Amino acid sequence: MLAMHTRELMPSLAAFEVVATTGHVTRGAALLDLPQSSISRRLHALEKTLGVTLFVPAGRRLVLTAAGRELLASIRGPLRAIDHALSAAVDDADPDAGLVRFGFPLSLGPNLIPKMLAEFHDIAPRIRLVLRQAHGAELVRCLREGELDLAIVIPTPTGLPTAPLGTQRLSVHVPRDHRLARRKRIRLTDLADEDFIANPSTYHLRQETLRWCAAAGFEPRVTVEVADFETMRSMVARGLGIAIMPQSIDADAADDVVALELTGGDFTRSVGLAMSSSTVSAAALRLQAHVRNRFPEIASAE
């Protein structure tokens, strides 16, 4: 039965919490900017509904009974959570504050994203960022289900508000002592007899690799599956196989790895900035504008 009165009791609970904290109806009324009579009525209504006494006078102060102490301990957390939620709602309308949940692909983490977000923090230091790095299908799911506000997605998704950011070029990464390492350009047919290191089968790049190789007349022999591109590159350096990876993956960082240009086809993937299908905050729109403005220039310098 009491649950039916929860919404009606919210003003009384707020009055109870502030009087319990100050020990005075007068001070509580001043903090809530209400007449003392309104505070007293709310406290009486709360006690009547609950059927317990919450305060007893002690000189000029009001002190909590055992029931009052238990109630105060129980409601402080929820009341603070409501205050936080209301503040967050106000922040959502402020382009200089608030929280933005931003996602990006596994292939863009080490250099480009930190540089771009550092620039954003310099111009919008009050905006808080929660970051998620995942493969494209997972990022799209998060956008559709409201877990992210915006994300850079490869390839550009359908069915979501999306702005194009450019393309990502793929190259072949081989060990420095590999038979093809001295060549600058190769064709996929040159790799028909190689062991491949590739992403899991659910990843878009793995699916594209299978499609490209099929068009070249062979099925790649995948001997190692790994999600992380840094780990993949390290495995290439150790001679476990070759890998088709984004050209932006810095092969020079590993002395034992060489990146070779792929010829004979369009070995690129589209890059897009997708927004959640839900309503997004002013802060998210501000980050969207920054990414659209800065991503192409930073990416071209990588």
Foldseek 3Di string as FASTA:
>chain_A
DVVVCVVVLVVLLQLLLQCQVVQALVVSCVVVVHDSVVSVVSPVVVCVSVVHDAWDDDPRGTHGDPVNVVSNVVCPVVVVVVVVVVVQVVQLAPQLAHEFEEEEELQCPDPQVVVLVVVVCVVRVRYHYHYDYYFQVVVVVCLAVVVGFKYKHWFDDPPFDKDFQFKWFKWKKAFCPDPCNVDQEDELVVCQPWEEEEEPPVHPVNVVVQVRVVVVPHGHHHPHHDHHVVVRLVCRNVVPTMYIDTPPPPNVVPVGMHTHHYDDDGRMIIIIMGGRPDDGGSNNVVSVVSCSVPVNVSVVVD
